[in-house]
Amino acid sequence: VRPVEFGGRLVQAGGSLRLSCAASDRTFSPYGMGWFRQAPGKEREFVAAISWNIGTAYYAESTKGRFTISRDNAKNTVSLQMNSLEPEDTAVYYCAVAVYESKWETGIPREYDYWGQGTQVTVSS
């Protein structure tokens, strides 16, 4: 069930970027999927999460209104559309999966069971 992230790159401040996360398991049916990020010297922080069945989205205050999380159940993918990017958004972005019932919607990393390797997003000023 290890997810794989795609789409990270260098982008200018004010620009947009779309990240995608794919899971290869065809029996994939998690409770939720989330995006986290970690900047150098900082702890991993919650970005957004979405319930797999209903599609309810949750956001960190720092990304609300700028980022949009979505999922495609047929393709087993989750995406993160990031608009109005700021240099402070620079980080490695990780996709995470909660396959067991947990408090994944709280955005606490330990509530997620599988993690991708991460994709680098760099926002230049």
Protein backbone atom coordinates (compact mmCIF):
# COMPACT_ATOMS: atom_id res chain seq x y z
CA VAL A 1 0.00 0.00 0.00
CA ARG A 2 3.03 2.27 0.00
CA PRO A 3 1.95 5.44 -1.80
CA VAL A 4 4.07 7.22 -4.39
CA GLU A 5 4.07 10.99 -4.82
CA PHE A 6 4.47 12.89 -8.09
CA GLY A 7 4.66 16.48 -9.19
CA GLY A 8 7.12 18.31 -6.98
CA ARG A 9 9.33 20.90 -8.67
CA LEU A 10 10.62 24.45 -8.53
CA VAL A 11 7.94 27.13 -8.90
CA GLN A 12 7.88 30.89 -8.47
CA ALA A 13 6.02 32.58 -5.65
CA GLY A 14 2.40 33.17 -6.56
CA GLY A 15 2.38 30.19 -8.86
CA SER A 16 0.47 26.92 -8.72
CA LEU A 17 1.43 23.29 -8.54
CA ARG A 18 -0.46 20.02 -8.42
CA LEU A 19 0.84 17.03 -6.53
CA SER A 20 -0.50 13.54 -6.99
CA CYS A 21 -0.24 10.40 -4.92
CA ALA A 22 -0.92 6.91 -6.22
CA ALA A 23 -1.39 3.61 -4.43
CA SER A 24 -0.82 0.42 -6.35
CA ASP A 25 -2.96 -1.92 -4.27
CA ARG A 26 -6.16 -2.66 -6.19
CA THR A 27 -7.97 -3.55 -2.97
CA PHE A 28 -7.09 -0.16 -1.66
CA SER A 29 -9.82 1.21 0.59
CA PRO A 30 -8.36 3.39 3.30
CA TYR A 31 -10.19 5.44 5.86
CA GLY A 32 -8.34 8.57 4.86
CA MET A 33 -5.38 9.96 2.99
CA GLY A 34 -3.37 13.00 3.85
CA TRP A 35 -0.61 15.31 2.77
CA PHE A 36 2.13 16.44 5.11
CA ARG A 37 5.23 18.50 4.57
CA GLN A 38 8.58 18.91 6.22
CA ALA A 39 10.93 21.82 5.74
CA PRO A 40 14.63 21.62 6.69
CA GLY A 41 15.08 21.85 10.44
CA LYS A 42 11.35 21.68 11.12
CA GLU A 43 8.95 18.99 12.21
CA ARG A 44 6.62 17.29 9.80
CA GLU A 45 3.37 19.24 9.63
CA PHE A 46 -0.13 18.49 8.46
CA VAL A 47 -1.28 20.05 5.19
CA ALA A 48 -4.60 18.45 4.25
CA ALA A 49 -6.52 15.18 4.45
CA ILE A 50 -9.56 13.62 2.85
CA SER A 51 -11.90 10.79 3.74
CA TRP A 52 -11.76 8.09 1.11
CA ASN A 53 -15.44 7.11 1.07
CA ILE A 54 -17.24 10.43 1.56
CA GLY A 55 -14.61 12.89 0.40
CA THR A 56 -14.73 15.21 3.38
CA ALA A 57 -11.65 17.43 3.34
CA TYR A 58 -9.63 18.81 6.23
CA TYR A 59 -7.01 21.55 6.02
CA ALA A 60 -4.33 23.16 8.11
CA GLU A 61 -4.96 26.82 8.80
CA SER A 62 -1.85 27.75 6.83
CA THR A 63 -3.17 26.11 3.65
CA LYS A 64 -6.91 26.67 3.90
CA GLY A 65 -8.16 28.67 0.94
CA ARG A 66 -4.99 28.12 -1.09
CA PHE A 67 -4.74 24.33 -1.28
CA THR A 68 -7.39 21.84 -2.38
CA ILE A 69 -7.25 18.12 -1.75
CA SER A 70 -9.23 15.69 -3.89
CA ARG A 71 -9.38 11.97 -4.55
CA ASP A 72 -10.18 9.65 -7.44
CA ASN A 73 -11.45 6.38 -6.02
CA ALA A 74 -11.36 4.62 -9.38
CA LYS A 75 -7.70 5.45 -9.91
CA ASN A 76 -6.64 5.10 -6.26
CA THR A 77 -5.13 8.55 -6.32
CA VAL A 78 -5.25 11.66 -4.19
CA SER A 79 -4.18 15.08 -5.41
CA LEU A 80 -3.20 18.36 -3.84
CA GLN A 81 -3.78 21.51 -5.88
CA MET A 82 -1.63 24.28 -4.48
CA ASN A 83 -2.29 27.88 -5.50
CA SER A 84 -0.78 31.21 -4.46
CA LEU A 85 2.38 29.45 -3.38
CA GLU A 86 4.71 31.20 -0.99
CA PRO A 87 8.39 30.59 -0.20
CA GLU A 88 7.23 29.31 3.18
CA ASP A 89 5.55 26.41 1.36
CA THR A 90 8.96 25.07 0.40
CA ALA A 91 9.29 21.56 1.82
CA VAL A 92 9.28 17.89 1.05
CA TYR A 93 5.65 16.88 0.67
CA TYR A 94 4.58 13.43 1.83
CA CYS A 95 1.48 11.42 1.07
CA ALA A 96 0.17 9.26 3.90
CA VAL A 97 -2.50 6.60 4.14
CA ALA A 98 -4.67 5.55 7.08
CA VAL A 99 -5.83 1.99 6.44
CA TYR A 100 -6.91 1.25 9.99
CA GLU A 101 -9.59 3.16 11.84
CA SER A 102 -7.88 6.03 13.61
CA LYS A 103 -8.09 9.74 14.26
CA TRP A 104 -6.47 10.47 10.90
CA GLU A 105 -8.62 13.56 10.40
CA THR A 106 -6.81 15.28 13.26
CA GLY A 107 -3.70 15.50 11.10
CA ILE A 108 -1.47 13.77 13.63
CA PRO A 109 1.24 11.85 11.76
CA ARG A 110 1.15 8.78 14.02
CA GLU A 111 -2.50 8.18 13.01
CA TYR A 112 -1.32 7.24 9.50
CA ASP A 113 -0.02 3.81 8.61
CA TYR A 114 1.88 4.14 5.33
CA TRP A 115 4.00 6.93 3.96
CA GLY A 116 5.48 7.78 0.60
CA GLN A 117 9.08 8.81 0.01
CA GLY A 118 8.17 12.44 -0.52
CA THR A 119 8.46 14.93 -3.36
CA GLN A 120 10.35 18.22 -3.16
CA VAL A 121 8.48 21.47 -3.67
CA THR A 122 10.58 24.61 -3.85
CA VAL A 123 8.99 28.04 -4.11
CA SER A 124 11.33 30.81 -5.16
CA SER A 125 10.75 34.43 -4.17
